[in-house]
N, C-alpha and C. Protein backbone atom coordinates (compact mmCIF):
# COMPACT_ATOMS: atom_id res chain seq x y z
N UNK A 1 25.16 -18.10 -10.25
CA UNK A 1 23.81 -17.64 -10.56
C UNK A 1 23.75 -17.21 -12.01
N UNK A 2 22.71 -17.61 -12.69
CA UNK A 2 22.53 -17.26 -14.08
C UNK A 2 21.55 -16.10 -14.19
N UNK A 3 21.85 -15.17 -15.05
CA UNK A 3 20.98 -14.02 -15.26
C UNK A 3 20.48 -14.05 -16.68
N UNK A 4 19.20 -13.88 -16.86
CA UNK A 4 18.62 -13.87 -18.20
C UNK A 4 18.59 -12.44 -18.72
N UNK A 5 19.01 -12.28 -19.97
CA UNK A 5 19.01 -10.96 -20.59
C UNK A 5 18.42 -11.08 -21.98
N UNK A 6 17.85 -10.02 -22.49
CA UNK A 6 17.42 -10.00 -23.88
C UNK A 6 17.90 -8.68 -24.49
N UNK A 7 18.17 -8.71 -25.76
CA UNK A 7 18.59 -7.50 -26.46
C UNK A 7 17.43 -6.99 -27.28
N UNK A 8 17.05 -5.76 -27.03
CA UNK A 8 15.97 -5.14 -27.77
C UNK A 8 16.43 -3.75 -28.18
N UNK A 9 16.58 -3.56 -29.48
CA UNK A 9 17.01 -2.27 -30.02
C UNK A 9 18.25 -1.74 -29.30
N UNK A 10 19.21 -2.57 -29.15
CA UNK A 10 20.49 -2.23 -28.54
C UNK A 10 20.41 -1.96 -27.05
N UNK A 11 19.30 -2.24 -26.41
CA UNK A 11 19.17 -2.08 -24.97
C UNK A 11 19.21 -3.44 -24.31
N UNK A 12 19.95 -3.56 -23.24
CA UNK A 12 19.96 -4.81 -22.48
C UNK A 12 18.88 -4.69 -21.41
N UNK A 13 17.95 -5.63 -21.40
CA UNK A 13 16.84 -5.63 -20.46
C UNK A 13 16.85 -6.94 -19.70
N UNK A 14 16.83 -6.87 -18.38
CA UNK A 14 16.76 -8.09 -17.59
C UNK A 14 15.36 -8.67 -17.70
N UNK A 15 15.30 -9.95 -18.02
CA UNK A 15 13.99 -10.60 -18.15
C UNK A 15 13.62 -11.41 -16.92
N UNK A 16 14.55 -11.54 -15.96
CA UNK A 16 14.27 -12.31 -14.76
C UNK A 16 14.11 -11.42 -13.52
N UNK A 17 14.11 -10.12 -13.72
CA UNK A 17 14.01 -9.20 -12.59
C UNK A 17 12.61 -9.24 -12.00
N UNK A 18 12.55 -9.04 -10.69
CA UNK A 18 11.25 -8.97 -10.02
C UNK A 18 10.65 -7.61 -10.29
N UNK A 19 9.29 -7.49 -10.32
CA UNK A 19 8.68 -6.20 -10.57
C UNK A 19 9.08 -5.22 -9.47
N UNK A 20 9.30 -3.98 -9.88
CA UNK A 20 9.69 -2.95 -8.91
C UNK A 20 8.50 -2.61 -8.02
N UNK A 21 8.81 -2.30 -6.77
CA UNK A 21 7.81 -1.86 -5.81
C UNK A 21 8.04 -0.38 -5.59
N UNK A 22 7.00 0.42 -5.70
CA UNK A 22 7.15 1.85 -5.50
C UNK A 22 7.67 2.11 -4.09
N UNK A 23 8.56 3.04 -3.98
CA UNK A 23 9.15 3.37 -2.68
C UNK A 23 8.06 3.69 -1.67
N UNK A 24 8.17 3.07 -0.50
CA UNK A 24 7.22 3.35 0.56
C UNK A 24 5.95 2.53 0.50
N UNK A 25 5.87 1.60 -0.44
CA UNK A 25 4.67 0.77 -0.58
C UNK A 25 4.99 -0.70 -0.37
N UNK A 26 4.00 -1.43 0.10
CA UNK A 26 4.17 -2.85 0.35
C UNK A 26 4.22 -3.63 -0.96
N UNK A 27 5.05 -4.66 -1.02
CA UNK A 27 5.03 -5.51 -2.21
C UNK A 27 3.75 -6.33 -2.25
N UNK A 28 3.39 -6.78 -3.42
CA UNK A 28 2.19 -7.60 -3.58
C UNK A 28 2.32 -8.89 -2.79
N UNK A 29 1.21 -9.35 -2.24
CA UNK A 29 1.18 -10.64 -1.58
C UNK A 29 1.56 -10.64 -0.12
N UNK A 30 1.79 -9.48 0.48
CA UNK A 30 2.12 -9.48 1.91
C UNK A 30 0.85 -9.74 2.73
N UNK A 31 1.04 -10.27 3.91
CA UNK A 31 -0.08 -10.59 4.79
C UNK A 31 -0.71 -9.30 5.33
N UNK A 32 -2.01 -9.09 5.11
CA UNK A 32 -2.67 -7.91 5.66
C UNK A 32 -2.52 -7.86 7.18
N UNK A 33 -2.19 -6.68 7.67
CA UNK A 33 -2.00 -6.51 9.10
C UNK A 33 -0.59 -6.77 9.58
N UNK A 34 0.29 -7.18 8.67
CA UNK A 34 1.68 -7.46 9.05
C UNK A 34 2.50 -6.17 8.99
N UNK A 35 3.71 -6.23 9.49
CA UNK A 35 4.63 -5.09 9.45
C UNK A 35 4.88 -4.65 8.00
N UNK A 36 4.96 -5.63 7.10
CA UNK A 36 5.24 -5.35 5.70
C UNK A 36 4.06 -4.70 4.98
N UNK A 37 2.86 -4.85 5.53
CA UNK A 37 1.63 -4.29 4.94
C UNK A 37 1.50 -2.83 5.37
N UNK A 38 2.34 -1.96 4.80
CA UNK A 38 2.35 -0.57 5.24
C UNK A 38 2.59 0.37 4.08
N UNK A 39 1.75 1.39 3.98
CA UNK A 39 1.93 2.46 3.00
C UNK A 39 2.61 3.61 3.73
N UNK A 40 3.90 3.75 3.53
CA UNK A 40 4.66 4.81 4.20
C UNK A 40 4.25 6.19 3.71
N UNK A 41 3.79 6.26 2.48
CA UNK A 41 3.37 7.55 1.92
C UNK A 41 2.17 8.12 2.65
N UNK A 42 1.21 7.26 3.06
CA UNK A 42 -0.03 7.72 3.69
C UNK A 42 -0.19 7.27 5.13
N UNK A 43 0.79 6.54 5.66
CA UNK A 43 0.85 6.11 7.07
C UNK A 43 -0.38 5.31 7.51
N UNK A 44 -0.77 4.36 6.67
CA UNK A 44 -1.86 3.42 6.97
C UNK A 44 -1.46 2.05 6.40
N UNK A 45 -2.13 0.99 6.81
CA UNK A 45 -1.83 -0.30 6.18
C UNK A 45 -2.08 -0.22 4.67
N UNK A 46 -1.17 -0.76 3.89
CA UNK A 46 -1.31 -0.75 2.42
C UNK A 46 -2.61 -1.41 1.99
N UNK A 47 -2.99 -2.48 2.70
CA UNK A 47 -4.21 -3.20 2.35
C UNK A 47 -5.47 -2.39 2.62
N UNK A 48 -5.34 -1.23 3.27
CA UNK A 48 -6.49 -0.36 3.56
C UNK A 48 -6.32 1.04 2.97
N UNK A 49 -5.29 1.26 2.18
CA UNK A 49 -5.00 2.60 1.67
C UNK A 49 -5.88 2.92 0.47
N UNK A 50 -6.89 3.74 0.71
CA UNK A 50 -7.81 4.13 -0.36
C UNK A 50 -7.20 5.15 -1.30
N UNK A 51 -6.14 5.83 -0.89
CA UNK A 51 -5.49 6.79 -1.78
C UNK A 51 -4.65 6.07 -2.82
N UNK A 52 -4.08 4.93 -2.46
CA UNK A 52 -3.31 4.13 -3.41
C UNK A 52 -4.19 3.13 -4.16
N UNK A 53 -5.25 2.68 -3.51
CA UNK A 53 -6.16 1.68 -4.10
C UNK A 53 -7.60 2.16 -3.99
N UNK A 54 -8.02 3.06 -4.88
CA UNK A 54 -9.38 3.61 -4.81
C UNK A 54 -10.49 2.56 -4.90
N UNK A 55 -10.17 1.36 -5.40
CA UNK A 55 -11.17 0.30 -5.47
C UNK A 55 -11.63 -0.15 -4.09
N UNK A 56 -10.90 0.23 -3.03
CA UNK A 56 -11.28 -0.13 -1.65
C UNK A 56 -12.38 0.78 -1.09
N UNK A 57 -12.60 1.92 -1.72
CA UNK A 57 -13.55 2.91 -1.20
C UNK A 57 -14.94 2.33 -1.00
N UNK A 58 -15.42 1.58 -1.95
CA UNK A 58 -16.77 1.01 -1.86
C UNK A 58 -16.96 0.16 -0.61
N UNK A 59 -15.95 -0.61 -0.25
CA UNK A 59 -16.04 -1.46 0.94
C UNK A 59 -16.12 -0.61 2.21
N UNK A 60 -15.34 0.46 2.28
CA UNK A 60 -15.41 1.34 3.45
C UNK A 60 -16.77 2.04 3.52
N UNK A 61 -17.27 2.47 2.38
CA UNK A 61 -18.59 3.12 2.35
C UNK A 61 -19.68 2.13 2.76
N UNK A 62 -19.57 0.89 2.31
CA UNK A 62 -20.59 -0.13 2.63
C UNK A 62 -20.66 -0.41 4.12
N UNK A 63 -19.54 -0.22 4.83
CA UNK A 63 -19.53 -0.46 6.28
C UNK A 63 -19.70 0.84 7.06
N UNK A 64 -20.08 1.90 6.35
CA UNK A 64 -20.30 3.23 6.95
C UNK A 64 -19.06 3.78 7.63
N UNK A 65 -17.92 3.43 7.10
CA UNK A 65 -16.64 3.91 7.60
C UNK A 65 -16.06 4.84 6.53
N UNK A 66 -16.73 5.97 6.31
CA UNK A 66 -16.29 6.88 5.27
C UNK A 66 -16.55 8.32 5.67
N UNK A 67 -15.54 9.16 5.51
CA UNK A 67 -15.65 10.60 5.77
C UNK A 67 -15.80 11.28 4.41
N UNK A 68 -17.01 11.71 4.09
CA UNK A 68 -17.27 12.37 2.80
C UNK A 68 -16.50 13.69 2.69
N UNK A 69 -16.39 14.41 3.79
CA UNK A 69 -15.73 15.72 3.77
C UNK A 69 -14.26 15.62 3.35
N UNK A 70 -13.56 14.57 3.82
CA UNK A 70 -12.13 14.45 3.55
C UNK A 70 -11.77 13.30 2.59
N UNK A 71 -12.78 12.58 2.13
CA UNK A 71 -12.59 11.48 1.17
C UNK A 71 -11.59 10.44 1.66
N UNK A 72 -11.79 10.03 2.91
CA UNK A 72 -10.97 8.99 3.54
C UNK A 72 -11.87 8.13 4.40
N UNK A 73 -11.42 6.91 4.74
CA UNK A 73 -12.17 6.15 5.73
C UNK A 73 -12.21 6.95 7.03
N UNK A 74 -13.34 6.98 7.69
CA UNK A 74 -13.45 7.68 8.97
C UNK A 74 -12.43 7.13 9.96
N UNK A 75 -12.15 5.84 9.88
CA UNK A 75 -11.18 5.21 10.78
C UNK A 75 -9.73 5.62 10.48
N UNK A 76 -9.52 6.39 9.39
CA UNK A 76 -8.20 6.89 9.03
C UNK A 76 -8.14 8.41 9.03
N UNK A 77 -9.26 9.07 9.27
CA UNK A 77 -9.34 10.52 9.10
C UNK A 77 -8.82 11.25 10.34
N UNK A 78 -7.61 11.76 10.22
CA UNK A 78 -6.98 12.48 11.33
C UNK A 78 -7.56 13.88 11.50
N UNK A 79 -8.18 14.43 10.47
CA UNK A 79 -8.80 15.75 10.59
C UNK A 79 -10.05 15.68 11.45
N UNK A 80 -10.83 14.63 11.28
CA UNK A 80 -12.05 14.45 12.10
C UNK A 80 -11.73 13.84 13.47
N UNK A 81 -10.67 13.06 13.52
CA UNK A 81 -10.28 12.34 14.74
C UNK A 81 -8.82 12.66 15.06
N UNK A 82 -8.53 13.88 15.55
CA UNK A 82 -7.13 14.27 15.75
C UNK A 82 -6.37 13.42 16.77
N UNK A 83 -7.07 12.71 17.63
CA UNK A 83 -6.40 11.85 18.62
C UNK A 83 -6.16 10.44 18.10
N UNK A 84 -6.58 10.18 16.88
CA UNK A 84 -6.42 8.86 16.28
C UNK A 84 -4.95 8.53 16.10
N UNK A 85 -4.58 7.32 16.47
CA UNK A 85 -3.20 6.85 16.30
C UNK A 85 -3.23 5.59 15.44
N UNK A 86 -2.65 5.68 14.28
CA UNK A 86 -2.53 4.52 13.40
C UNK A 86 -1.06 4.13 13.42
N UNK A 87 -0.76 2.97 13.98
CA UNK A 87 0.63 2.57 14.13
C UNK A 87 0.92 1.32 13.31
N UNK A 88 2.13 1.27 12.83
CA UNK A 88 2.59 0.11 12.07
C UNK A 88 2.85 -1.03 13.03
N UNK A 89 2.37 -2.24 12.70
CA UNK A 89 2.65 -3.39 13.56
C UNK A 89 4.16 -3.63 13.67
N UNK A 90 4.59 -4.21 14.79
CA UNK A 90 6.03 -4.48 14.94
C UNK A 90 6.51 -5.54 13.96
N UNK A 91 7.78 -5.46 13.65
CA UNK A 91 8.37 -6.44 12.75
C UNK A 91 8.63 -7.73 13.53
N UNK A 92 8.28 -8.86 12.93
CA UNK A 92 8.51 -10.15 13.58
C UNK A 92 9.58 -10.89 12.79
N UNK A 93 10.30 -11.73 13.48
CA UNK A 93 11.38 -12.49 12.82
C UNK A 93 10.96 -13.91 12.61
């Protein structure tokens, strides 16, 4: 296996490395609704996490799925819906 490196100001930097994924977050391009589509930090699907992706808020508000009091989708608001269970889909092989 060949590894690409570049020298910049005496620092060796890998130029072929994949972008890092923040711990507990889904990598880009995963299938929405899959096991991999999970935000471990907020315990919701990454593709629906408004805390990590605030640009999703407008879509939730447009479908009237928004809790103004807690600034979360109503379908994710455990304070308003204490019996709500959001579970990660099982891993498939």
